[in-house]
Amino acid sequence: MTSLNERFLTFLDNEKPVPDRRPVQGTLAIVGGILTLALCVGIALLWSKLYASSLFPLGLWLIGWGAAQLVQTQREQGLSVRVREIAAQGQRVNGYLIRASDALYRPGSKKHHCQVLISFQPEVSGDREYMQYLAQRWAEQTTRREHPIRYRRQKLPLALTDGSPVYCCDLFVHPGLLSAGYLTSAILPCVAEFGDKGGIELVPYWLLFPYVESPLSQHQQV
């Protein structure tokens, strides 16, 4: 029987991405912007600077828009590689919900941010009442919401955790990976890289069987 990491990698390999036309569109926009600027120069030299100046902003906009498409595509490709690394190397952990975007409590088609507590010590991570108590305490102590940063991880004070290493992690969740299509549980199945720093990803609920409960079988409501 395959491991959870292997099933996660297979899921990533079998995803059918929507054809991405942004690299072609970005390249065409940059070329069009350069040609527009060249046309501006020609019109200014041979005819009227007034007409040339009206085309100049368009050329700059085309170049800027095209460059933005290429940069965004490159970032997403790098993120896909990073997700595969986490899926291959990460340990199975429970993420205990601290707070979440309101959008995660209803069906949707985009990823949204939440914060979870994790621990790599099985006796700590498996103690649901204790971890949910810590999540509540940490939520009370950190009422100011920070701007989400993917894979940010903060170690809780040892005085709060009785000396056990527990981490607060930023996690981005796609509702389609949850069994109900939105948040129904305070416990999220994840894989996370070991240590004070590292990535964390939500595990699609259908990959869990028969190892752990699916989110719908957990009755804690958030």
N, C-alpha and C. Protein backbone atom coordinates (compact mmCIF):
# COMPACT_ATOMS: atom_id res chain seq x y z
N MET A 1 0.86 -1.20 0.00
CA MET A 1 0.00 0.00 0.00
C MET A 1 0.89 1.24 0.00
N THR A 2 0.58 2.19 -0.85
CA THR A 2 1.42 3.37 -0.99
C THR A 2 1.29 4.27 0.23
N SER A 3 2.33 5.07 0.46
CA SER A 3 2.32 6.01 1.57
C SER A 3 1.52 7.25 1.20
N LEU A 4 1.19 8.05 2.22
CA LEU A 4 0.45 9.28 1.99
C LEU A 4 1.25 10.22 1.09
N ASN A 5 2.57 10.30 1.30
CA ASN A 5 3.40 11.17 0.47
C ASN A 5 3.34 10.74 -1.00
N GLU A 6 3.39 9.43 -1.24
CA GLU A 6 3.33 8.95 -2.62
C GLU A 6 1.98 9.25 -3.26
N ARG A 7 0.91 9.10 -2.49
CA ARG A 7 -0.42 9.39 -3.02
C ARG A 7 -0.57 10.89 -3.30
N PHE A 8 0.02 11.71 -2.44
CA PHE A 8 -0.03 13.16 -2.64
C PHE A 8 0.70 13.53 -3.93
N LEU A 9 1.87 12.95 -4.14
CA LEU A 9 2.63 13.24 -5.36
C LEU A 9 1.88 12.77 -6.60
N THR A 10 1.23 11.62 -6.51
CA THR A 10 0.44 11.12 -7.63
C THR A 10 -0.70 12.07 -7.95
N PHE A 11 -1.35 12.59 -6.89
CA PHE A 11 -2.42 13.57 -7.09
C PHE A 11 -1.89 14.80 -7.82
N LEU A 12 -0.72 15.30 -7.41
CA LEU A 12 -0.15 16.47 -8.06
C LEU A 12 0.20 16.18 -9.51
N ASP A 13 0.69 14.97 -9.77
CA ASP A 13 1.06 14.59 -11.14
C ASP A 13 -0.16 14.48 -12.04
N ASN A 14 -1.30 14.06 -11.46
CA ASN A 14 -2.50 13.80 -12.25
C ASN A 14 -3.40 15.02 -12.39
N GLU A 15 -3.05 16.11 -11.72
CA GLU A 15 -3.86 17.32 -11.88
C GLU A 15 -3.85 17.77 -13.34
N LYS A 16 -5.00 18.22 -13.79
CA LYS A 16 -5.12 18.70 -15.17
C LYS A 16 -5.21 20.22 -15.16
N PRO A 17 -4.06 20.87 -15.27
CA PRO A 17 -4.09 22.34 -15.20
C PRO A 17 -4.78 22.96 -16.42
N VAL A 18 -5.41 24.08 -16.18
CA VAL A 18 -6.00 24.84 -17.29
C VAL A 18 -4.86 25.37 -18.16
N PRO A 19 -4.98 25.22 -19.48
CA PRO A 19 -3.90 25.73 -20.35
C PRO A 19 -3.57 27.18 -20.03
N ASP A 20 -2.29 27.43 -19.79
CA ASP A 20 -1.85 28.76 -19.38
C ASP A 20 -1.34 29.51 -20.59
N ARG A 21 -2.10 30.50 -21.00
CA ARG A 21 -1.71 31.31 -22.17
C ARG A 21 -0.98 32.58 -21.78
N ARG A 22 -0.76 32.76 -20.49
CA ARG A 22 -0.14 34.01 -20.04
C ARG A 22 1.27 34.22 -20.57
N PRO A 23 2.12 33.18 -20.67
CA PRO A 23 3.47 33.45 -21.23
C PRO A 23 3.41 33.98 -22.66
N VAL A 24 2.53 33.39 -23.49
CA VAL A 24 2.40 33.87 -24.87
C VAL A 24 1.82 35.27 -24.89
N GLN A 25 0.77 35.48 -24.09
CA GLN A 25 0.14 36.80 -24.06
C GLN A 25 1.13 37.85 -23.54
N GLY A 26 1.90 37.49 -22.51
CA GLY A 26 2.87 38.43 -21.97
C GLY A 26 3.95 38.79 -22.97
N THR A 27 4.45 37.77 -23.68
CA THR A 27 5.48 38.03 -24.68
C THR A 27 4.95 38.90 -25.81
N LEU A 28 3.73 38.61 -26.28
CA LEU A 28 3.13 39.42 -27.35
C LEU A 28 2.90 40.85 -26.89
N ALA A 29 2.50 41.01 -25.61
CA ALA A 29 2.27 42.36 -25.10
C ALA A 29 3.57 43.15 -25.04
N ILE A 30 4.64 42.51 -24.63
CA ILE A 30 5.94 43.21 -24.57
C ILE A 30 6.40 43.61 -25.97
N VAL A 31 6.28 42.67 -26.92
CA VAL A 31 6.65 42.98 -28.30
C VAL A 31 5.79 44.12 -28.84
N GLY A 32 4.47 44.04 -28.57
CA GLY A 32 3.58 45.11 -29.02
C GLY A 32 3.93 46.44 -28.38
N GLY A 33 4.31 46.42 -27.10
CA GLY A 33 4.69 47.66 -26.42
C GLY A 33 5.94 48.27 -27.02
N ILE A 34 6.92 47.41 -27.33
CA ILE A 34 8.17 47.91 -27.94
C ILE A 34 7.89 48.51 -29.31
N LEU A 35 7.05 47.82 -30.10
CA LEU A 35 6.71 48.35 -31.42
C LEU A 35 5.94 49.66 -31.31
N THR A 36 5.08 49.76 -30.30
CA THR A 36 4.33 51.00 -30.10
C THR A 36 5.26 52.15 -29.77
N LEU A 37 6.24 51.89 -28.89
CA LEU A 37 7.21 52.94 -28.55
C LEU A 37 8.04 53.34 -29.76
N ALA A 38 8.40 52.34 -30.58
CA ALA A 38 9.16 52.65 -31.80
C ALA A 38 8.32 53.51 -32.75
N LEU A 39 7.03 53.18 -32.82
CA LEU A 39 6.13 53.98 -33.65
C LEU A 39 6.02 55.41 -33.13
N CYS A 40 6.01 55.54 -31.79
CA CYS A 40 5.97 56.89 -31.19
C CYS A 40 7.17 57.72 -31.63
N VAL A 41 8.34 57.08 -31.61
CA VAL A 41 9.56 57.80 -32.00
C VAL A 41 9.47 58.22 -33.46
N GLY A 42 8.99 57.28 -34.29
CA GLY A 42 8.89 57.60 -35.71
C GLY A 42 7.91 58.73 -35.98
N ILE A 43 6.76 58.68 -35.32
CA ILE A 43 5.76 59.75 -35.51
C ILE A 43 6.31 61.09 -35.02
N ALA A 44 7.03 61.05 -33.87
CA ALA A 44 7.57 62.30 -33.32
C ALA A 44 8.60 62.91 -34.25
N LEU A 45 9.42 62.09 -34.89
CA LEU A 45 10.47 62.60 -35.76
C LEU A 45 9.94 63.04 -37.12
N LEU A 46 8.93 62.31 -37.64
CA LEU A 46 8.48 62.55 -39.01
C LEU A 46 7.21 63.38 -39.11
N TRP A 47 6.45 63.44 -37.99
CA TRP A 47 5.15 64.10 -38.12
C TRP A 47 4.87 65.04 -36.96
N SER A 48 4.34 64.51 -35.83
CA SER A 48 3.91 65.39 -34.75
C SER A 48 4.21 64.75 -33.39
N LYS A 49 4.83 65.51 -32.54
CA LYS A 49 5.10 65.03 -31.18
C LYS A 49 3.81 64.88 -30.38
N LEU A 50 2.79 65.65 -30.72
CA LEU A 50 1.53 65.58 -30.01
C LEU A 50 0.89 64.19 -30.18
N TYR A 51 0.84 63.71 -31.42
CA TYR A 51 0.26 62.38 -31.66
C TYR A 51 1.13 61.28 -31.06
N ALA A 52 2.44 61.49 -31.08
CA ALA A 52 3.36 60.49 -30.52
C ALA A 52 3.16 60.36 -29.02
N SER A 53 2.95 61.49 -28.35
CA SER A 53 2.80 61.45 -26.90
C SER A 53 1.55 60.71 -26.46
N SER A 54 0.52 60.67 -27.33
CA SER A 54 -0.71 59.97 -26.97
C SER A 54 -0.54 58.45 -27.01
N LEU A 55 0.41 57.97 -27.80
CA LEU A 55 0.66 56.53 -27.90
C LEU A 55 1.69 56.04 -26.88
N PHE A 56 2.49 56.95 -26.37
CA PHE A 56 3.58 56.57 -25.46
C PHE A 56 3.07 55.82 -24.22
N PRO A 57 2.02 56.30 -23.52
CA PRO A 57 1.53 55.55 -22.34
C PRO A 57 1.05 54.14 -22.68
N LEU A 58 0.46 53.98 -23.87
CA LEU A 58 0.00 52.65 -24.27
C LEU A 58 1.17 51.68 -24.40
N GLY A 59 2.25 52.15 -25.00
CA GLY A 59 3.43 51.29 -25.14
C GLY A 59 3.99 50.87 -23.80
N LEU A 60 4.08 51.82 -22.88
CA LEU A 60 4.58 51.50 -21.55
C LEU A 60 3.66 50.52 -20.83
N TRP A 61 2.33 50.73 -20.97
CA TRP A 61 1.37 49.84 -20.30
C TRP A 61 1.48 48.42 -20.84
N LEU A 62 1.62 48.27 -22.15
CA LEU A 62 1.74 46.94 -22.74
C LEU A 62 2.98 46.23 -22.24
N ILE A 63 4.08 46.93 -22.15
CA ILE A 63 5.32 46.32 -21.66
C ILE A 63 5.18 45.92 -20.20
N GLY A 64 4.61 46.81 -19.39
CA GLY A 64 4.43 46.51 -17.97
C GLY A 64 3.49 45.34 -17.74
N TRP A 65 2.38 45.33 -18.46
CA TRP A 65 1.40 44.24 -18.30
C TRP A 65 2.00 42.91 -18.73
N GLY A 66 2.71 42.91 -19.84
CA GLY A 66 3.33 41.68 -20.32
C GLY A 66 4.37 41.14 -19.35
N ALA A 67 5.20 42.05 -18.81
CA ALA A 67 6.21 41.62 -17.84
C ALA A 67 5.56 41.04 -16.59
N ALA A 68 4.45 41.65 -16.15
CA ALA A 68 3.76 41.15 -14.97
C ALA A 68 3.23 39.74 -15.19
N GLN A 69 2.71 39.45 -16.40
CA GLN A 69 2.22 38.11 -16.71
C GLN A 69 3.34 37.09 -16.67
N LEU A 70 4.50 37.43 -17.20
CA LEU A 70 5.63 36.51 -17.20
C LEU A 70 6.16 36.26 -15.79
N VAL A 71 6.23 37.31 -14.99
CA VAL A 71 6.71 37.16 -13.61
C VAL A 71 5.75 36.31 -12.79
N GLN A 72 4.45 36.55 -12.93
CA GLN A 72 3.46 35.78 -12.19
C GLN A 72 3.51 34.31 -12.57
N THR A 73 3.66 34.03 -13.85
CA THR A 73 3.75 32.64 -14.30
C THR A 73 4.97 31.96 -13.73
N GLN A 74 6.10 32.67 -13.73
CA GLN A 74 7.33 32.10 -13.19
C GLN A 74 7.20 31.81 -11.71
N ARG A 75 6.55 32.70 -10.97
CA ARG A 75 6.34 32.49 -9.54
C ARG A 75 5.47 31.27 -9.28
N GLU A 76 4.41 31.12 -10.05
CA GLU A 76 3.52 29.98 -9.86
C GLU A 76 4.20 28.67 -10.21
N GLN A 77 5.06 28.69 -11.21
CA GLN A 77 5.82 27.48 -11.54
C GLN A 77 6.78 27.11 -10.42
N GLY A 78 7.42 28.13 -9.82
CA GLY A 78 8.30 27.88 -8.68
C GLY A 78 7.53 27.35 -7.49
N LEU A 79 6.30 27.86 -7.27
CA LEU A 79 5.48 27.38 -6.16
C LEU A 79 5.08 25.93 -6.38
N SER A 80 4.78 25.55 -7.61
CA SER A 80 4.42 24.16 -7.90
C SER A 80 5.56 23.21 -7.55
N VAL A 81 6.79 23.63 -7.85
CA VAL A 81 7.95 22.82 -7.49
C VAL A 81 8.08 22.71 -5.98
N ARG A 82 7.83 23.80 -5.28
CA ARG A 82 7.92 23.82 -3.82
C ARG A 82 6.87 22.92 -3.19
N VAL A 83 5.65 22.94 -3.72
CA VAL A 83 4.58 22.09 -3.20
C VAL A 83 4.96 20.62 -3.36
N ARG A 84 5.57 20.26 -4.46
CA ARG A 84 6.00 18.88 -4.67
C ARG A 84 7.06 18.48 -3.65
N GLU A 85 7.98 19.39 -3.33
CA GLU A 85 9.01 19.10 -2.33
C GLU A 85 8.36 18.80 -0.98
N ILE A 86 7.38 19.61 -0.61
CA ILE A 86 6.70 19.43 0.68
C ILE A 86 5.92 18.12 0.68
N ALA A 87 5.24 17.83 -0.44
CA ALA A 87 4.46 16.59 -0.54
C ALA A 87 5.37 15.37 -0.43
N ALA A 88 6.59 15.47 -0.93
CA ALA A 88 7.51 14.33 -0.92
C ALA A 88 8.20 14.16 0.43
N GLN A 89 8.52 15.27 1.10
CA GLN A 89 9.35 15.22 2.30
C GLN A 89 8.57 15.44 3.60
N GLY A 90 7.36 15.98 3.49
CA GLY A 90 6.62 16.40 4.68
C GLY A 90 6.15 15.25 5.54
N GLN A 91 6.00 15.54 6.82
CA GLN A 91 5.45 14.58 7.77
C GLN A 91 3.96 14.83 7.93
N ARG A 92 3.22 13.77 8.17
CA ARG A 92 1.78 13.88 8.42
C ARG A 92 1.55 14.51 9.78
N VAL A 93 0.84 15.64 9.81
CA VAL A 93 0.52 16.34 11.06
C VAL A 93 -0.92 16.80 11.03
N ASN A 94 -1.48 17.02 12.19
CA ASN A 94 -2.79 17.66 12.31
C ASN A 94 -2.58 19.16 12.48
N GLY A 95 -3.34 19.94 11.71
CA GLY A 95 -3.31 21.38 11.87
C GLY A 95 -4.55 21.82 12.64
N TYR A 96 -4.34 22.40 13.82
CA TYR A 96 -5.45 22.81 14.69
C TYR A 96 -5.75 24.28 14.43
N LEU A 97 -6.95 24.54 13.97
CA LEU A 97 -7.32 25.86 13.46
C LEU A 97 -7.28 26.92 14.56
N ILE A 98 -6.61 28.03 14.27
CA ILE A 98 -6.58 29.20 15.14
C ILE A 98 -7.59 30.23 14.65
N ARG A 99 -7.49 30.58 13.39
CA ARG A 99 -8.41 31.52 12.75
C ARG A 99 -8.35 31.26 11.25
N ALA A 100 -9.42 31.70 10.55
CA ALA A 100 -9.48 31.46 9.11
C ALA A 100 -10.24 32.58 8.44
N SER A 101 -9.96 32.76 7.16
CA SER A 101 -10.71 33.72 6.35
C SER A 101 -12.18 33.32 6.31
N ASP A 102 -13.04 34.32 6.35
CA ASP A 102 -14.49 34.05 6.30
C ASP A 102 -14.87 33.28 5.03
N ALA A 103 -14.10 33.47 3.96
CA ALA A 103 -14.42 32.83 2.68
C ALA A 103 -14.28 31.31 2.76
N LEU A 104 -13.53 30.80 3.72
CA LEU A 104 -13.35 29.35 3.83
C LEU A 104 -14.56 28.66 4.45
N TYR A 105 -15.49 29.43 4.97
CA TYR A 105 -16.68 28.83 5.58
C TYR A 105 -17.83 28.70 4.58
N ARG A 106 -17.54 28.91 3.30
CA ARG A 106 -18.52 28.71 2.25
C ARG A 106 -17.81 28.17 1.01
N PRO A 107 -18.51 27.45 0.14
CA PRO A 107 -17.86 26.89 -1.06
C PRO A 107 -17.24 27.99 -1.91
N GLY A 108 -16.15 27.65 -2.55
CA GLY A 108 -15.47 28.62 -3.40
C GLY A 108 -14.49 27.93 -4.33
N SER A 109 -13.84 28.72 -5.16
CA SER A 109 -12.91 28.18 -6.16
C SER A 109 -11.51 28.76 -6.02
N LYS A 110 -11.25 29.49 -4.93
CA LYS A 110 -9.94 30.09 -4.74
C LYS A 110 -9.38 29.72 -3.37
N LYS A 111 -8.05 29.74 -3.27
CA LYS A 111 -7.40 29.49 -1.99
C LYS A 111 -7.54 30.70 -1.08
N HIS A 112 -7.68 30.41 0.22
CA HIS A 112 -7.74 31.47 1.21
C HIS A 112 -6.89 31.10 2.41
N HIS A 113 -6.57 32.10 3.21
CA HIS A 113 -5.60 31.95 4.29
C HIS A 113 -6.24 31.53 5.59
N CYS A 114 -5.51 30.71 6.34
CA CYS A 114 -5.87 30.43 7.72
C CYS A 114 -4.59 30.22 8.50
N GLN A 115 -4.71 30.12 9.82
CA GLN A 115 -3.57 29.83 10.69
C GLN A 115 -3.89 28.57 11.49
N VAL A 116 -2.88 27.71 11.61
CA VAL A 116 -3.06 26.46 12.35
C VAL A 116 -1.87 26.24 13.27
N LEU A 117 -2.10 25.45 14.33
CA LEU A 117 -1.04 24.98 15.20
C LEU A 117 -0.67 23.57 14.81
N ILE A 118 0.64 23.27 14.80
CA ILE A 118 1.11 21.92 14.54
C ILE A 118 2.20 21.56 15.55
N SER A 119 2.41 20.29 15.73
CA SER A 119 3.52 19.79 16.54
C SER A 119 4.01 18.50 15.90
N PHE A 120 5.32 18.30 15.92
CA PHE A 120 5.90 17.09 15.35
C PHE A 120 6.05 15.98 16.39
N GLN A 121 5.67 16.26 17.63
CA GLN A 121 5.67 15.24 18.67
C GLN A 121 4.30 14.54 18.64
N PRO A 122 4.25 13.24 18.31
CA PRO A 122 2.97 12.54 18.17
C PRO A 122 2.10 12.62 19.42
N GLU A 123 2.73 12.55 20.60
CA GLU A 123 1.93 12.58 21.82
C GLU A 123 1.29 13.95 22.05
N VAL A 124 1.90 14.99 21.50
CA VAL A 124 1.33 16.34 21.61
C VAL A 124 0.30 16.57 20.51
N SER A 125 0.70 16.29 19.26
CA SER A 125 -0.20 16.50 18.13
C SER A 125 -1.46 15.66 18.23
N GLY A 126 -1.34 14.48 18.85
CA GLY A 126 -2.50 13.60 18.97
C GLY A 126 -3.45 13.95 20.09
N ASP A 127 -3.04 14.87 20.96
CA ASP A 127 -3.89 15.28 22.08
C ASP A 127 -4.77 16.44 21.60
N ARG A 128 -5.95 16.11 21.10
CA ARG A 128 -6.80 17.11 20.47
C ARG A 128 -7.24 18.19 21.45
N GLU A 129 -7.65 17.79 22.63
CA GLU A 129 -8.13 18.78 23.59
C GLU A 129 -7.03 19.76 23.96
N TYR A 130 -5.81 19.25 24.16
CA TYR A 130 -4.70 20.13 24.53
C TYR A 130 -4.35 21.08 23.39
N MET A 131 -4.27 20.56 22.15
CA MET A 131 -3.91 21.41 21.02
C MET A 131 -4.99 22.44 20.72
N GLN A 132 -6.25 22.07 20.87
CA GLN A 132 -7.31 23.04 20.66
C GLN A 132 -7.33 24.10 21.76
N TYR A 133 -6.95 23.69 22.95
CA TYR A 133 -6.81 24.66 24.04
C TYR A 133 -5.68 25.66 23.71
N LEU A 134 -4.54 25.14 23.22
CA LEU A 134 -3.44 26.03 22.84
C LEU A 134 -3.84 26.96 21.70
N ALA A 135 -4.60 26.42 20.74
CA ALA A 135 -5.04 27.25 19.61
C ALA A 135 -5.91 28.40 20.09
N GLN A 136 -6.78 28.11 21.05
CA GLN A 136 -7.64 29.16 21.59
C GLN A 136 -6.82 30.20 22.36
N ARG A 137 -5.87 29.71 23.17
CA ARG A 137 -5.01 30.63 23.92
C ARG A 137 -4.20 31.51 22.98
N TRP A 138 -3.65 30.92 21.94
CA TRP A 138 -2.82 31.69 21.01
C TRP A 138 -3.67 32.69 20.24
N ALA A 139 -4.90 32.33 19.90
CA ALA A 139 -5.80 33.26 19.22
C ALA A 139 -6.11 34.46 20.12
N GLU A 140 -6.26 34.21 21.40
CA GLU A 140 -6.54 35.30 22.34
C GLU A 140 -5.34 36.22 22.50
N GLN A 141 -4.13 35.68 22.40
CA GLN A 141 -2.92 36.48 22.58
C GLN A 141 -2.48 37.19 21.32
N THR A 142 -2.99 36.76 20.18
CA THR A 142 -2.59 37.37 18.90
C THR A 142 -3.83 37.83 18.16
N THR A 143 -4.54 38.76 18.74
CA THR A 143 -5.80 39.21 18.15
C THR A 143 -5.58 40.02 16.88
N ARG A 144 -4.43 40.69 16.75
CA ARG A 144 -4.16 41.48 15.54
C ARG A 144 -3.77 40.55 14.41
N ARG A 145 -4.52 40.61 13.33
CA ARG A 145 -4.27 39.73 12.19
C ARG A 145 -3.16 40.30 11.32
N GLU A 146 -2.14 39.49 11.09
CA GLU A 146 -1.02 39.90 10.25
C GLU A 146 -1.30 39.54 8.80
N HIS A 147 -0.62 40.23 7.90
CA HIS A 147 -0.74 39.91 6.49
C HIS A 147 -0.21 38.49 6.26
N PRO A 148 -0.98 37.62 5.59
CA PRO A 148 -0.54 36.23 5.42
C PRO A 148 0.72 36.12 4.58
N ILE A 149 1.60 35.23 5.00
CA ILE A 149 2.83 34.93 4.27
C ILE A 149 2.92 33.42 4.12
N ARG A 150 2.98 32.95 2.90
CA ARG A 150 3.01 31.51 2.66
C ARG A 150 4.21 30.87 3.36
N TYR A 151 3.95 29.82 4.08
CA TYR A 151 4.94 29.01 4.78
C TYR A 151 5.60 29.72 5.96
N ARG A 152 5.01 30.81 6.43
CA ARG A 152 5.51 31.42 7.66
C ARG A 152 5.23 30.47 8.82
N ARG A 153 6.22 30.33 9.70
CA ARG A 153 6.09 29.42 10.85
C ARG A 153 6.69 30.10 12.08
N GLN A 154 5.93 30.14 13.16
CA GLN A 154 6.38 30.78 14.39
C GLN A 154 6.27 29.80 15.55
N LYS A 155 7.35 29.68 16.29
CA LYS A 155 7.36 28.78 17.44
C LYS A 155 6.71 29.45 18.63
N LEU A 156 5.77 28.76 19.26
CA LEU A 156 5.09 29.32 20.43
C LEU A 156 6.04 29.34 21.62
N PRO A 157 5.87 30.30 22.53
CA PRO A 157 6.71 30.32 23.74
C PRO A 157 6.60 29.00 24.49
N LEU A 158 7.76 28.47 24.92
CA LEU A 158 7.77 27.18 25.62
C LEU A 158 7.01 27.26 26.94
N ALA A 159 6.93 28.47 27.52
CA ALA A 159 6.18 28.62 28.77
C ALA A 159 4.70 28.36 28.56
N LEU A 160 4.23 28.61 27.33
CA LEU A 160 2.82 28.39 27.02
C LEU A 160 2.53 26.92 26.71
N THR A 161 3.54 26.23 26.16
CA THR A 161 3.33 24.86 25.70
C THR A 161 3.92 23.81 26.64
N ASP A 162 4.30 24.21 27.84
CA ASP A 162 4.89 23.28 28.82
C ASP A 162 6.16 22.63 28.28
N GLY A 163 6.90 23.38 27.46
CA GLY A 163 8.18 22.91 26.96
C GLY A 163 8.11 22.14 25.66
N SER A 164 6.93 21.89 25.14
CA SER A 164 6.79 21.14 23.89
C SER A 164 6.89 22.10 22.70
N PRO A 165 7.62 21.70 21.65
CA PRO A 165 7.70 22.55 20.45
C PRO A 165 6.39 22.52 19.66
N VAL A 166 5.71 23.64 19.64
CA VAL A 166 4.45 23.79 18.91
C VAL A 166 4.59 25.03 18.02
N TYR A 167 4.06 24.96 16.80
CA TYR A 167 4.27 26.03 15.83
C TYR A 167 2.94 26.57 15.30
N CYS A 168 2.92 27.87 15.11
CA CYS A 168 1.81 28.53 14.42
C CYS A 168 2.22 28.70 12.96
N CYS A 169 1.41 28.19 12.04
CA CYS A 169 1.76 28.20 10.62
C CYS A 169 0.68 28.90 9.80
N ASP A 170 1.12 29.67 8.82
CA ASP A 170 0.20 30.20 7.82
C ASP A 170 -0.07 29.10 6.80
N LEU A 171 -1.34 28.84 6.52
CA LEU A 171 -1.73 27.77 5.60
C LEU A 171 -2.75 28.32 4.62
N PHE A 172 -2.54 28.04 3.35
CA PHE A 172 -3.49 28.44 2.31
C PHE A 172 -4.31 27.21 1.91
N VAL A 173 -5.63 27.34 1.96
CA VAL A 173 -6.54 26.21 1.78
C VAL A 173 -7.44 26.45 0.57
N HIS A 174 -7.50 25.45 -0.31
CA HIS A 174 -8.49 25.48 -1.39
C HIS A 174 -9.71 24.70 -0.91
N PRO A 175 -10.90 25.32 -0.93
CA PRO A 175 -12.09 24.64 -0.41
C PRO A 175 -12.37 23.30 -1.08
N GLY A 176 -11.95 23.14 -2.33
CA GLY A 176 -12.20 21.91 -3.05
C GLY A 176 -11.47 20.71 -2.48
N LEU A 177 -10.45 20.94 -1.64
CA LEU A 177 -9.70 19.85 -1.02
C LEU A 177 -10.33 19.40 0.29
N LEU A 178 -11.37 20.11 0.75
CA LEU A 178 -12.08 19.74 1.98
C LEU A 178 -13.28 18.87 1.63
N SER A 179 -13.61 17.95 2.50
CA SER A 179 -14.65 16.97 2.18
C SER A 179 -16.01 17.61 1.93
N ALA A 180 -16.32 18.70 2.61
CA ALA A 180 -17.61 19.36 2.42
C ALA A 180 -17.53 20.52 1.42
N GLY A 181 -16.32 20.82 0.97
CA GLY A 181 -16.15 21.97 0.08
C GLY A 181 -16.00 23.28 0.82
N TYR A 182 -15.97 23.23 2.15
CA TYR A 182 -15.75 24.40 2.99
C TYR A 182 -15.40 23.89 4.39
N LEU A 183 -14.98 24.79 5.27
CA LEU A 183 -14.54 24.38 6.60
C LEU A 183 -15.70 23.87 7.44
N THR A 184 -15.53 22.66 7.96
CA THR A 184 -16.50 22.10 8.90
C THR A 184 -15.81 21.56 10.14
N SER A 185 -14.48 21.60 10.16
CA SER A 185 -13.73 21.01 11.26
C SER A 185 -12.64 21.95 11.73
N ALA A 186 -12.29 21.83 13.00
CA ALA A 186 -11.19 22.61 13.57
C ALA A 186 -9.86 21.89 13.42
N ILE A 187 -9.86 20.72 12.77
CA ILE A 187 -8.64 19.94 12.60
C ILE A 187 -8.45 19.68 11.12
N LEU A 188 -7.31 20.11 10.57
CA LEU A 188 -7.03 19.97 9.15
C LEU A 188 -5.85 19.02 8.94
N PRO A 189 -6.00 18.02 8.08
CA PRO A 189 -4.89 17.10 7.80
C PRO A 189 -3.87 17.78 6.90
N CYS A 190 -2.60 17.72 7.30
CA CYS A 190 -1.55 18.41 6.57
C CYS A 190 -0.30 17.54 6.47
N VAL A 191 0.59 17.93 5.58
CA VAL A 191 1.96 17.45 5.58
C VAL A 191 2.84 18.68 5.75
N ALA A 192 3.85 18.56 6.61
CA ALA A 192 4.71 19.70 6.92
C ALA A 192 6.16 19.24 7.02
N GLU A 193 7.06 20.08 6.55
CA GLU A 193 8.49 19.81 6.67
C GLU A 193 8.92 19.99 8.13
N PHE A 194 9.75 19.11 8.61
CA PHE A 194 10.15 19.11 10.00
C PHE A 194 11.06 20.29 10.31
N GLY A 195 10.90 20.85 11.52
CA GLY A 195 11.82 21.87 11.99
C GLY A 195 11.15 23.20 12.29
N ASP A 196 12.00 24.15 12.73
CA ASP A 196 11.49 25.48 13.07
C ASP A 196 11.07 26.27 11.84
N LYS A 197 11.56 25.87 10.68
CA LYS A 197 11.18 26.51 9.43
C LYS A 197 10.82 25.43 8.43
N GLY A 198 9.94 25.77 7.49
CA GLY A 198 9.58 24.80 6.47
C GLY A 198 8.18 25.04 5.95
N GLY A 199 7.83 24.28 4.93
CA GLY A 199 6.54 24.43 4.29
C GLY A 199 5.49 23.52 4.89
N ILE A 200 4.24 23.84 4.60
CA ILE A 200 3.11 23.04 5.05
C ILE A 200 2.03 23.13 3.98
N GLU A 201 1.37 22.00 3.71
CA GLU A 201 0.30 21.95 2.72
C GLU A 201 -0.86 21.11 3.25
N LEU A 202 -2.06 21.52 2.87
CA LEU A 202 -3.25 20.75 3.21
C LEU A 202 -3.28 19.47 2.38
N VAL A 203 -3.67 18.37 2.99
CA VAL A 203 -3.81 17.10 2.28
C VAL A 203 -5.24 16.97 1.76
N PRO A 204 -5.45 16.70 0.46
CA PRO A 204 -6.81 16.47 -0.03
C PRO A 204 -7.47 15.34 0.76
N TYR A 205 -8.72 15.54 1.16
CA TYR A 205 -9.36 14.62 2.11
C TYR A 205 -9.43 13.20 1.57
N TRP A 206 -9.57 13.03 0.24
CA TRP A 206 -9.75 11.68 -0.30
C TRP A 206 -8.45 10.86 -0.27
N LEU A 207 -7.32 11.51 0.01
CA LEU A 207 -6.05 10.78 0.10
C LEU A 207 -5.85 10.18 1.49
N LEU A 208 -6.68 10.54 2.45
CA LEU A 208 -6.47 10.13 3.83
C LEU A 208 -6.89 8.69 4.09
N PHE A 209 -7.93 8.23 3.45
CA PHE A 209 -8.45 6.89 3.71
C PHE A 209 -7.39 5.84 3.38
N PRO A 210 -7.17 4.82 4.23
CA PRO A 210 -7.87 4.54 5.48
C PRO A 210 -7.08 4.96 6.71
N TYR A 211 -6.18 5.93 6.56
CA TYR A 211 -5.23 6.22 7.63
C TYR A 211 -5.81 7.10 8.73
N VAL A 212 -6.61 8.08 8.36
CA VAL A 212 -7.16 8.99 9.37
C VAL A 212 -8.61 9.28 9.03
N GLU A 213 -9.28 9.93 9.96
CA GLU A 213 -10.66 10.32 9.72
C GLU A 213 -10.72 11.42 8.66
N SER A 214 -11.80 11.40 7.90
CA SER A 214 -12.03 12.51 6.98
C SER A 214 -12.59 13.68 7.78
N PRO A 215 -12.45 14.91 7.28
CA PRO A 215 -12.92 16.07 8.03
C PRO A 215 -14.39 15.98 8.43
N LEU A 216 -15.23 15.36 7.61
CA LEU A 216 -16.67 15.30 7.94
C LEU A 216 -16.95 14.40 9.14
N SER A 217 -16.01 13.47 9.45
CA SER A 217 -16.24 12.60 10.58
C SER A 217 -15.80 13.23 11.89
N GLN A 218 -15.24 14.43 11.80
CA GLN A 218 -14.82 15.15 13.00
C GLN A 218 -15.91 16.16 13.31
N HIS A 219 -16.43 16.13 14.52
CA HIS A 219 -17.64 16.89 14.82
C HIS A 219 -17.34 18.27 15.42
N GLN A 220 -16.06 18.62 15.55
CA GLN A 220 -15.77 19.94 16.09
C GLN A 220 -16.17 21.00 15.07
N GLN A 221 -17.00 21.94 15.48
CA GLN A 221 -17.41 23.01 14.59
C GLN A 221 -16.60 24.26 14.90
N VAL A 222 -16.28 25.01 13.86
CA VAL A 222 -15.48 26.22 14.02
C VAL A 222 -16.38 27.43 13.90
